[in-house]
Amino acid sequence: MAHDHSHHHHDHAPKIDHLNAAFIWGIVLNSAFVVIEAVYGFISGSLSLLTDAGHNLSDVASLALALLAFKLAKAKSNKVYTYGYKRSTIIVSFFNAMILIVAVGFIIYEAVMRFIHPEPVAGGTVAWVAFVGIAINGFTAWLFVKDKDSDLNVKGAYLHMAVDAIVSLGVVVSGIIIYFTHLTWIDSAVSIIIGIVILTGTWNLLKDSLRLEMDGVPKEMDLKKIKAELMKAEGVVDIHHIHVWALSTTENALTAHLIVSPDNMQNFDEIKHDLRHRLEHLSISHSTFEPEFSNEKCEQPGC
């Protein structure tokens, strides 16, 4: 068996080390805002502020977990975890999605309770505090926008912050309406809308992270395209029994059975290096090939 990892001089794995500062800024700013929002939520009697504070607290936890996962992903492999702790990034992305869904359930429950038992709300205070939220969440989202497509946890952080900025805008509008009309049920209605918006933004993140957690083919990977690219390599007769999965939210792996003609077997080193190079350009950094002769029959399940 020919076993190849990413020792090639090319490295196409996304480089996101520079995002450490973005995560730290996001954690600090949102932690401060959670305190402000919770305090003024109690003072004003606003459910939308309190529920948004709870949601922002889950965002702080999500950012902290994502930062921890990136740190763990850099840890060296050992005898127990031969790939290191790269998979922690997938676990965290799935866990973050679950946190958001639980938060949505809490928001909707509290909103329904407020419809049944309405309480006075200080609309002006709600509007001003939520306006601060737009600035903080908008700035934090901007920190992640350039790299949002390079990693699932970065995308999750961006979505969290962008959605929060929109939610804060909604709370500003509800605060203004309450201030002028004294219709306190608007606060509960906005809370329910917040829950629906969060759930909508979280659903794809949950599906993508669950897919990776179950060793499914990453969404951006196309097996037909991968096989077609590998078949272009000189000396390759066929390739089958292909498996592609994610080692982390930024690194993918592949195993496959590679059929070469007997007269090309002596060139297998050159063939595998060519294939590895092609795979790196398809965002697959770890590859393992089992060579087979063209006159050999594969008897393994899935061939």
Protein backbone atom coordinates (compact mmCIF):
# COMPACT_ATOMS: atom_id res chain seq x y z
CA MET A 1 0.00 0.00 0.00
CA ALA A 2 1.25 3.47 -0.80
CA HIS A 3 0.52 5.85 2.04
CA ASP A 4 0.95 9.58 1.46
CA HIS A 5 0.36 12.54 3.71
CA SER A 6 0.95 16.22 3.11
CA HIS A 7 4.77 16.24 2.96
CA HIS A 8 4.70 17.85 -0.48
CA HIS A 9 6.18 21.33 -0.69
CA HIS A 10 2.76 22.71 -1.71
CA ASP A 11 0.29 23.37 1.06
CA HIS A 12 -3.26 24.20 0.08
CA ALA A 13 -4.87 23.94 3.53
CA PRO A 14 -6.46 27.26 4.49
CA LYS A 15 -4.25 29.40 6.73
CA ILE A 16 -6.40 30.94 9.45
CA ASP A 17 -3.86 31.53 12.23
CA HIS A 18 -4.38 35.28 11.84
CA LEU A 19 -7.97 34.85 13.06
CA ASN A 20 -6.85 34.35 16.67
CA ALA A 21 -7.07 38.11 17.22
CA ALA A 22 -10.52 38.22 15.56
CA PHE A 23 -11.85 35.54 17.93
CA ILE A 24 -10.35 37.28 20.98
CA TRP A 25 -11.86 40.64 19.94
CA GLY A 26 -15.21 38.94 19.36
CA ILE A 27 -15.13 37.24 22.77
CA VAL A 28 -14.18 40.41 24.68
CA LEU A 29 -16.65 42.74 22.92
CA ASN A 30 -19.58 40.35 23.08
CA SER A 31 -18.91 39.43 26.72
CA ALA A 32 -19.07 43.12 27.64
CA PHE A 33 -22.26 43.56 25.61
CA VAL A 34 -23.91 40.53 27.27
CA VAL A 35 -23.45 42.21 30.66
CA ILE A 36 -24.81 45.54 29.39
CA GLU A 37 -27.76 43.89 27.63
CA ALA A 38 -28.68 41.72 30.62
CA VAL A 39 -28.54 44.64 33.08
CA TYR A 40 -30.68 46.93 30.92
CA GLY A 41 -32.97 44.04 30.03
CA PHE A 42 -33.85 43.64 33.71
CA ILE A 43 -34.11 47.40 34.22
CA SER A 44 -36.39 47.93 31.22
CA GLY A 45 -38.33 44.69 31.61
CA SER A 46 -37.55 43.78 27.99
CA LEU A 47 -37.76 40.09 27.07
CA SER A 48 -36.19 40.76 23.66
CA LEU A 49 -33.10 42.26 25.33
CA LEU A 50 -32.82 39.43 27.85
CA THR A 51 -33.27 36.72 25.23
CA ASP A 52 -30.80 38.44 22.93
CA ALA A 53 -28.37 38.65 25.86
CA GLY A 54 -28.76 34.90 26.34
CA HIS A 55 -28.17 34.34 22.66
CA ASN A 56 -25.09 36.59 22.71
CA LEU A 57 -23.79 34.61 25.68
CA SER A 58 -24.08 31.44 23.57
CA ASP A 59 -22.15 33.27 20.85
CA VAL A 60 -19.36 34.04 23.33
CA ALA A 61 -19.25 30.35 24.26
CA SER A 62 -19.22 29.41 20.57
CA LEU A 63 -16.34 31.77 19.80
CA ALA A 64 -14.37 30.48 22.78
CA LEU A 65 -14.95 26.85 21.78
CA ALA A 66 -13.95 27.56 18.18
CA LEU A 67 -10.75 29.26 19.34
CA LEU A 68 -10.00 26.27 21.61
CA ALA A 69 -10.64 23.87 18.74
CA PHE A 70 -8.19 25.75 16.49
CA LYS A 71 -5.57 25.52 19.25
CA LEU A 72 -6.20 21.78 19.70
CA ALA A 73 -6.03 21.21 15.93
CA LYS A 74 -2.39 22.33 16.01
CA ALA A 75 -1.46 19.73 18.64
CA LYS A 76 0.88 16.97 17.45
CA SER A 77 -0.37 13.46 16.85
CA ASN A 78 0.32 10.72 19.40
CA LYS A 79 -0.08 6.97 19.79
CA VAL A 80 -3.73 7.30 20.79
CA TYR A 81 -4.80 10.15 18.47
CA THR A 82 -2.77 9.48 15.34
CA TYR A 83 -4.24 12.51 13.54
CA GLY A 84 -3.88 14.71 16.62
CA TYR A 85 -6.97 16.63 17.72
CA LYS A 86 -8.01 18.02 14.34
CA ARG A 87 -11.49 16.57 14.62
CA SER A 88 -12.22 18.79 17.61
CA THR A 89 -13.05 21.56 15.12
CA ILE A 90 -15.87 19.41 13.69
CA ILE A 91 -17.18 18.50 17.13
CA VAL A 92 -17.22 22.18 18.13
CA SER A 93 -19.06 23.28 14.97
CA PHE A 94 -21.76 20.66 15.66
CA PHE A 95 -21.93 21.61 19.35
CA ASN A 96 -22.27 25.30 18.48
CA ALA A 97 -25.20 24.57 16.18
CA MET A 98 -26.89 22.60 18.96
CA ILE A 99 -26.35 25.47 21.43
CA LEU A 100 -28.12 27.83 19.04
CA ILE A 101 -31.09 25.50 18.62
CA VAL A 102 -31.50 25.18 22.40
CA ALA A 103 -31.32 28.99 22.67
CA VAL A 104 -34.10 29.30 20.07
CA GLY A 105 -36.33 26.98 22.10
CA PHE A 106 -35.79 29.11 25.20
CA ILE A 107 -36.49 32.35 23.33
CA ILE A 108 -39.76 31.12 21.84
CA TYR A 109 -40.94 29.65 25.17
CA GLU A 110 -40.30 32.90 27.04
CA ALA A 111 -41.99 34.92 24.28
CA VAL A 112 -45.15 32.81 24.51
CA MET A 113 -45.17 33.23 28.31
CA ARG A 114 -44.95 37.02 27.87
CA PHE A 115 -47.91 36.96 25.48
CA ILE A 116 -49.92 35.22 28.21
CA HIS A 117 -48.56 37.40 31.02
CA PRO A 118 -47.57 40.79 29.51
CA GLU A 119 -45.27 43.12 31.43
CA PRO A 120 -44.36 46.83 30.93
CA VAL A 121 -41.35 47.52 28.68
CA ALA A 122 -39.16 50.65 28.51
CA GLY A 123 -39.02 51.05 24.75
CA GLY A 124 -36.45 53.88 24.67
CA THR A 125 -33.89 51.92 26.73
CA VAL A 126 -34.44 48.83 24.58
CA ALA A 127 -33.77 50.81 21.39
CA TRP A 128 -30.55 52.43 22.63
CA VAL A 129 -29.05 49.21 23.99
CA ALA A 130 -29.92 47.30 20.83
CA PHE A 131 -28.32 50.08 18.76
CA VAL A 132 -25.03 49.41 20.57
CA GLY A 133 -25.53 45.74 19.67
CA ILE A 134 -25.68 46.58 15.97
CA ALA A 135 -22.27 48.24 16.19
CA ILE A 136 -20.60 45.46 18.18
CA ASN A 137 -22.07 42.55 16.22
CA GLY A 138 -21.53 44.29 12.88
CA PHE A 139 -17.87 44.95 13.69
CA THR A 140 -17.29 41.36 14.88
CA ALA A 141 -18.93 39.96 11.73
CA TRP A 142 -16.62 42.16 9.63
CA LEU A 143 -13.60 40.55 11.34
CA PHE A 144 -14.63 37.16 9.93
CA VAL A 145 -16.11 38.09 6.55
CA LYS A 146 -12.90 37.60 4.51
CA ASP A 147 -12.33 34.03 5.77
CA LYS A 148 -15.92 32.85 6.20
CA ASP A 149 -15.66 30.35 3.32
CA SER A 150 -12.37 28.82 4.49
CA ASP A 151 -13.64 27.00 7.58
CA LEU A 152 -16.97 25.86 9.04
CA ASN A 153 -16.29 27.38 12.46
CA VAL A 154 -15.31 30.72 10.92
CA LYS A 155 -18.47 30.61 8.82
CA GLY A 156 -20.44 29.85 11.97
CA ALA A 157 -18.87 32.80 13.80
CA TYR A 158 -19.64 35.10 10.87
CA LEU A 159 -23.24 33.91 10.64
CA HIS A 160 -23.74 34.29 14.39
CA MET A 161 -22.49 37.86 14.38
CA ALA A 162 -24.24 38.90 11.15
CA VAL A 163 -27.55 37.46 12.32
CA ASP A 164 -27.11 39.18 15.70
CA ALA A 165 -26.60 42.53 13.99
CA ILE A 166 -29.85 42.04 12.08
CA VAL A 167 -31.62 40.89 15.24
CA SER A 168 -30.38 43.98 17.11
CA LEU A 169 -31.79 46.12 14.31
CA GLY A 170 -35.15 44.43 14.82
CA VAL A 171 -34.98 45.10 18.56
CA VAL A 172 -34.22 48.79 17.86
CA VAL A 173 -37.34 49.01 15.71
CA SER A 174 -39.47 47.25 18.34
CA GLY A 175 -38.13 49.58 21.06
CA ILE A 176 -39.08 52.64 19.03
CA ILE A 177 -42.57 51.26 18.31
CA ILE A 178 -43.12 50.44 21.99
CA TYR A 179 -41.89 53.89 23.04
CA PHE A 180 -44.46 55.67 20.84
CA THR A 181 -47.38 53.20 20.96
CA HIS A 182 -46.96 51.40 24.33
CA LEU A 183 -47.85 48.12 22.59
CA THR A 184 -45.72 45.83 24.78
CA TRP A 185 -46.71 42.69 22.85
CA ILE A 186 -44.37 43.90 20.11
CA ASP A 187 -41.47 42.86 22.39
CA SER A 188 -42.66 39.23 22.46
CA ALA A 189 -43.39 39.23 18.73
CA VAL A 190 -39.85 40.42 17.98
CA SER A 191 -38.47 37.70 20.30
CA ILE A 192 -40.26 35.04 18.24
CA ILE A 193 -38.98 36.56 15.00
CA ILE A 194 -35.47 36.53 16.50
CA GLY A 195 -35.88 32.82 17.22
CA ILE A 196 -37.00 32.05 13.67
CA VAL A 197 -34.13 34.07 12.15
CA ILE A 198 -31.57 32.29 14.34
CA LEU A 199 -33.04 28.87 13.51
CA THR A 200 -32.94 29.62 9.77
CA GLY A 201 -29.29 30.69 9.95
CA THR A 202 -28.35 27.69 12.09
CA TRP A 203 -30.00 24.93 10.07
CA ASN A 204 -27.36 24.74 7.32
CA LEU A 205 -24.56 24.94 9.89
CA LEU A 206 -26.13 22.01 11.75
CA LYS A 207 -26.50 19.94 8.57
CA ASP A 208 -22.93 20.64 7.42
CA SER A 209 -21.38 19.87 10.80
CA LEU A 210 -23.46 16.70 11.24
CA ARG A 211 -22.40 15.59 7.76
CA LEU A 212 -18.73 15.94 8.71
CA GLU A 213 -19.34 14.33 12.10
CA MET A 214 -20.74 11.26 10.30
CA ASP A 215 -17.70 11.12 7.96
CA GLY A 216 -19.82 12.20 5.02
CA VAL A 217 -18.25 13.68 1.91
CA PRO A 218 -17.71 17.42 2.60
CA LYS A 219 -20.32 19.56 0.84
CA GLU A 220 -17.80 21.26 -1.46
CA MET A 221 -16.37 17.90 -2.63
CA ASP A 222 -17.57 16.25 -5.87
CA LEU A 223 -16.53 12.58 -6.17
CA LYS A 224 -17.06 12.55 -9.94
CA LYS A 225 -14.85 15.60 -10.35
CA ILE A 226 -12.20 14.09 -8.09
CA LYS A 227 -12.15 10.81 -10.04
CA ALA A 228 -12.07 12.64 -13.39
CA GLU A 229 -9.05 14.68 -12.24
CA LEU A 230 -7.18 11.60 -10.99
CA MET A 231 -7.88 9.73 -14.24
CA LYS A 232 -5.93 12.43 -16.09
CA ALA A 233 -2.70 11.21 -14.49
CA GLU A 234 -0.41 9.25 -16.77
CA GLY A 235 -0.38 5.53 -16.04
CA VAL A 236 -3.76 5.43 -14.25
CA VAL A 237 -6.10 2.85 -15.79
CA ASP A 238 -8.94 3.25 -13.30
CA ILE A 239 -9.67 4.32 -9.74
CA HIS A 240 -12.41 2.99 -7.49
CA HIS A 241 -13.36 2.32 -3.86
CA ILE A 242 -12.97 6.08 -3.26
CA HIS A 243 -13.62 7.45 0.23
CA VAL A 244 -13.43 11.15 1.07
CA TRP A 245 -14.01 12.59 4.53
CA ALA A 246 -13.02 15.53 6.71
CA LEU A 247 -10.18 15.30 9.23
CA SER A 248 -11.12 18.77 10.47
CA THR A 249 -13.12 21.77 9.26
CA THR A 250 -10.14 22.74 7.06
CA GLU A 251 -8.48 19.43 6.09
CA ASN A 252 -9.85 16.55 4.02
CA ALA A 253 -8.59 13.01 3.40
CA LEU A 254 -9.01 10.39 0.67
CA THR A 255 -8.40 6.66 0.28
CA ALA A 256 -8.81 4.82 -3.01
CA HIS A 257 -7.86 1.73 -4.97
CA LEU A 258 -5.67 2.67 -7.90
CA ILE A 259 -5.43 0.45 -10.98
CA VAL A 260 -2.26 0.80 -13.02
CA SER A 261 -1.01 -1.28 -15.91
CA PRO A 262 1.78 -3.78 -15.01
CA ASP A 263 4.35 -1.95 -17.18
CA ASN A 264 3.71 1.28 -15.20
CA MET A 265 4.01 -0.25 -11.73
CA GLN A 266 7.72 0.63 -11.56
CA ASN A 267 6.68 4.28 -11.97
CA PHE A 268 4.22 4.16 -9.09
CA ASP A 269 6.17 6.69 -7.01
CA GLU A 270 5.89 9.26 -9.79
CA ILE A 271 2.18 8.43 -10.28
CA LYS A 272 1.30 8.82 -6.61
CA HIS A 273 3.17 12.16 -6.35
CA ASP A 274 1.25 13.43 -9.38
CA LEU A 275 -2.04 12.28 -7.87
CA ARG A 276 -1.25 13.84 -4.51
CA HIS A 277 -0.45 17.15 -6.18
CA ARG A 278 -3.76 17.07 -8.06
CA LEU A 279 -5.65 16.28 -4.84
CA GLU A 280 -4.03 19.18 -2.98
CA HIS A 281 -5.50 21.52 -5.59
CA LEU A 282 -8.89 19.94 -4.79
CA SER A 283 -8.43 20.73 -1.05
CA ILE A 284 -7.52 17.15 -0.09
CA SER A 285 -4.29 17.19 1.92
CA HIS A 286 -4.06 13.55 3.06
CA SER A 287 -4.26 10.66 0.60
CA THR A 288 -3.73 6.89 0.70
CA PHE A 289 -3.71 4.68 -2.41
CA GLU A 290 -3.85 0.90 -2.68
CA PRO A 291 -2.30 -0.13 -6.01
CA GLU A 292 -3.86 -2.88 -8.13
CA PHE A 293 -2.78 -4.40 -11.43
CA SER A 294 -5.19 -3.97 -14.32
CA ASN A 295 -5.58 -7.78 -14.55
CA GLU A 296 -6.33 -8.09 -10.84
CA LYS A 297 -9.87 -8.38 -9.48
CA CYS A 298 -10.76 -6.38 -6.37
CA GLU A 299 -12.69 -8.56 -3.91
CA GLN A 300 -13.26 -6.02 -1.15
CA PRO A 301 -16.82 -4.80 -0.42
CA GLY A 302 -17.54 -1.53 -2.23
CA CYS A 303 -15.21 -2.16 -5.16
